[in-house]
Amino acid sequence: MRWLLLAFTLIAFVLCFTRHSPGAWGLWMLLGLIGVFATTLAFAQARIAGNARDDSLSEYDLMRLREGKPPLRDAPPEQ
């Protein structure tokens, strides 16, 4: 979705700078600026989601975290 937003934003700016009437120029500039804002948020959300930890941990893993130990699913196998 973020790549589509980027493509539509670039198309809006191309249309903005190829229009001759001020009304069309203003409309495409407004859509381009909204697209820049939406595209930036979409790429930031994708980066945050890519680095985020899983949503849920078991009660045992939460207890280990409170004790300062890593959760079992992240810990290396103990020998």
C-alpha atoms as a PDB file:
ATOM      1  CA  MET A   1       0.000   0.000   0.000  1.00  0.00           C
ATOM      2  CA  ARG A   2       2.809   2.413   0.837  1.00  0.00           C
ATOM      3  CA  TRP A   3       4.301   1.943  -2.623  1.00  0.00           C
ATOM      4  CA  LEU A   4       0.960   2.822  -4.212  1.00  0.00           C
ATOM      5  CA  LEU A   5       0.789   5.944  -2.059  1.00  0.00           C
ATOM      6  CA  LEU A   6       4.279   6.892  -3.199  1.00  0.00           C
ATOM      7  CA  ALA A   7       3.372   6.325  -6.860  1.00  0.00           C
ATOM      8  CA  PHE A   8       0.153   8.356  -6.582  1.00  0.00           C
ATOM      9  CA  THR A   9       2.022  11.153  -4.805  1.00  0.00           C
ATOM     10  CA  LEU A  10       4.622  11.327  -7.553  1.00  0.00           C
ATOM     11  CA  ILE A  11       1.886  11.298 -10.214  1.00  0.00           C
ATOM     12  CA  ALA A  12       0.105  14.131  -8.400  1.00  0.00           C
ATOM     13  CA  PHE A  13       3.273  16.245  -8.430  1.00  0.00           C
ATOM     14  CA  VAL A  14       3.887  15.492 -12.108  1.00  0.00           C
ATOM     15  CA  LEU A  15       0.327  16.548 -12.908  1.00  0.00           C
ATOM     16  CA  CYS A  16       0.749  19.610 -10.708  1.00  0.00           C
ATOM     17  CA  PHE A  17       3.758  20.895 -12.589  1.00  0.00           C
ATOM     18  CA  THR A  18       2.326  20.159 -16.027  1.00  0.00           C
ATOM     19  CA  ARG A  19      -0.981  22.035 -15.538  1.00  0.00           C
ATOM     20  CA  HIS A  20      -1.449  25.567 -16.840  1.00  0.00           C
ATOM     21  CA  SER A  21      -4.479  26.743 -14.870  1.00  0.00           C
ATOM     22  CA  PRO A  22      -4.088  27.832 -11.245  1.00  0.00           C
ATOM     23  CA  GLY A  23      -7.090  25.784 -10.096  1.00  0.00           C
ATOM     24  CA  ALA A  24      -5.724  22.502 -11.437  1.00  0.00           C
ATOM     25  CA  TRP A  25      -2.245  23.377 -10.166  1.00  0.00           C
ATOM     26  CA  GLY A  26      -3.612  24.037  -6.673  1.00  0.00           C
ATOM     27  CA  LEU A  27      -5.680  20.848  -6.617  1.00  0.00           C
ATOM     28  CA  TRP A  28      -2.796  18.594  -7.649  1.00  0.00           C
ATOM     29  CA  MET A  29      -0.408  20.393  -5.274  1.00  0.00           C
ATOM     30  CA  LEU A  30      -2.841  19.849  -2.385  1.00  0.00           C
ATOM     31  CA  LEU A  31      -3.236  16.169  -3.279  1.00  0.00           C
ATOM     32  CA  GLY A  32       0.551  15.846  -3.585  1.00  0.00           C
ATOM     33  CA  LEU A  33       1.147  17.375  -0.147  1.00  0.00           C
ATOM     34  CA  ILE A  34      -1.486  15.138   1.432  1.00  0.00           C
ATOM     35  CA  GLY A  35       0.177  12.218  -0.348  1.00  0.00           C
ATOM     36  CA  VAL A  36       3.602  13.148   1.059  1.00  0.00           C
ATOM     37  CA  PHE A  37       2.150  13.174   4.580  1.00  0.00           C
ATOM     38  CA  ALA A  38       0.327   9.839   4.095  1.00  0.00           C
ATOM     39  CA  THR A  39       3.326   8.183   2.426  1.00  0.00           C
ATOM     40  CA  THR A  40       5.659   9.291   5.220  1.00  0.00           C
ATOM     41  CA  LEU A  41       3.327   7.861   7.849  1.00  0.00           C
ATOM     42  CA  ALA A  42       2.937   4.607   5.886  1.00  0.00           C
ATOM     43  CA  PHE A  43       6.701   4.074   5.606  1.00  0.00           C
ATOM     44  CA  ALA A  44       7.191   4.938   9.293  1.00  0.00           C
ATOM     45  CA  GLN A  45       4.448   2.484  10.293  1.00  0.00           C
ATOM     46  CA  ALA A  46       6.015  -0.276   8.201  1.00  0.00           C
ATOM     47  CA  ARG A  47       9.409   0.305   9.795  1.00  0.00           C
ATOM     48  CA  ILE A  48       7.977   0.340  13.314  1.00  0.00           C
ATOM     49  CA  ALA A  49       5.941  -2.821  12.660  1.00  0.00           C
ATOM     50  CA  GLY A  50       9.018  -4.557  11.273  1.00  0.00           C
ATOM     51  CA  ASN A  51      11.023  -3.916  14.440  1.00  0.00           C
ATOM     52  CA  ALA A  52       8.240  -4.482  16.973  1.00  0.00           C
ATOM     53  CA  ARG A  53       8.135  -7.391  19.361  1.00  0.00           C
ATOM     54  CA  ASP A  54       5.281  -9.889  19.142  1.00  0.00           C
ATOM     55  CA  ASP A  55       2.042  -8.701  20.695  1.00  0.00           C
ATOM     56  CA  SER A  56       1.716 -11.262  23.438  1.00  0.00           C
ATOM     57  CA  LEU A  57       4.006 -13.033  25.860  1.00  0.00           C
ATOM     58  CA  SER A  58       3.022 -15.857  28.159  1.00  0.00           C
ATOM     59  CA  GLU A  59       2.684 -15.258  31.893  1.00  0.00           C
ATOM     60  CA  TYR A  60       5.911 -17.201  32.440  1.00  0.00           C
ATOM     61  CA  ASP A  61       7.784 -15.019  29.939  1.00  0.00           C
ATOM     62  CA  LEU A  62       6.421 -11.868  31.617  1.00  0.00           C
ATOM     63  CA  MET A  63       7.589 -13.180  34.995  1.00  0.00           C
ATOM     64  CA  ARG A  64      11.079 -13.822  33.555  1.00  0.00           C
ATOM     65  CA  LEU A  65      11.172 -10.300  32.140  1.00  0.00           C
ATOM     66  CA  ARG A  66      10.288  -8.851  35.550  1.00  0.00           C
ATOM     67  CA  GLU A  67      13.174 -10.834  37.061  1.00  0.00           C
ATOM     68  CA  GLY A  68      15.567  -9.386  34.473  1.00  0.00           C
ATOM     69  CA  LYS A  69      15.923 -12.607  32.483  1.00  0.00           C
ATOM     70  CA  PRO A  70      15.148 -12.888  28.758  1.00  0.00           C
ATOM     71  CA  PRO A  71      11.916 -14.610  27.721  1.00  0.00           C
ATOM     72  CA  LEU A  72      12.301 -18.293  26.843  1.00  0.00           C
ATOM     73  CA  ARG A  73      11.462 -17.889  23.173  1.00  0.00           C
ATOM     74  CA  ASP A  74      14.264 -15.290  22.795  1.00  0.00           C
ATOM     75  CA  ALA A  75      16.800 -17.033  25.025  1.00  0.00           C
ATOM     76  CA  PRO A  76      19.476 -19.349  23.618  1.00  0.00           C
ATOM     77  CA  PRO A  77      19.017 -23.021  24.529  1.00  0.00           C
ATOM     78  CA  GLU A  78      20.385 -23.839  27.960  1.00  0.00           C
ATOM     79  CA  GLN A  79      22.734 -26.835  28.329  1.00  0.00           C
END
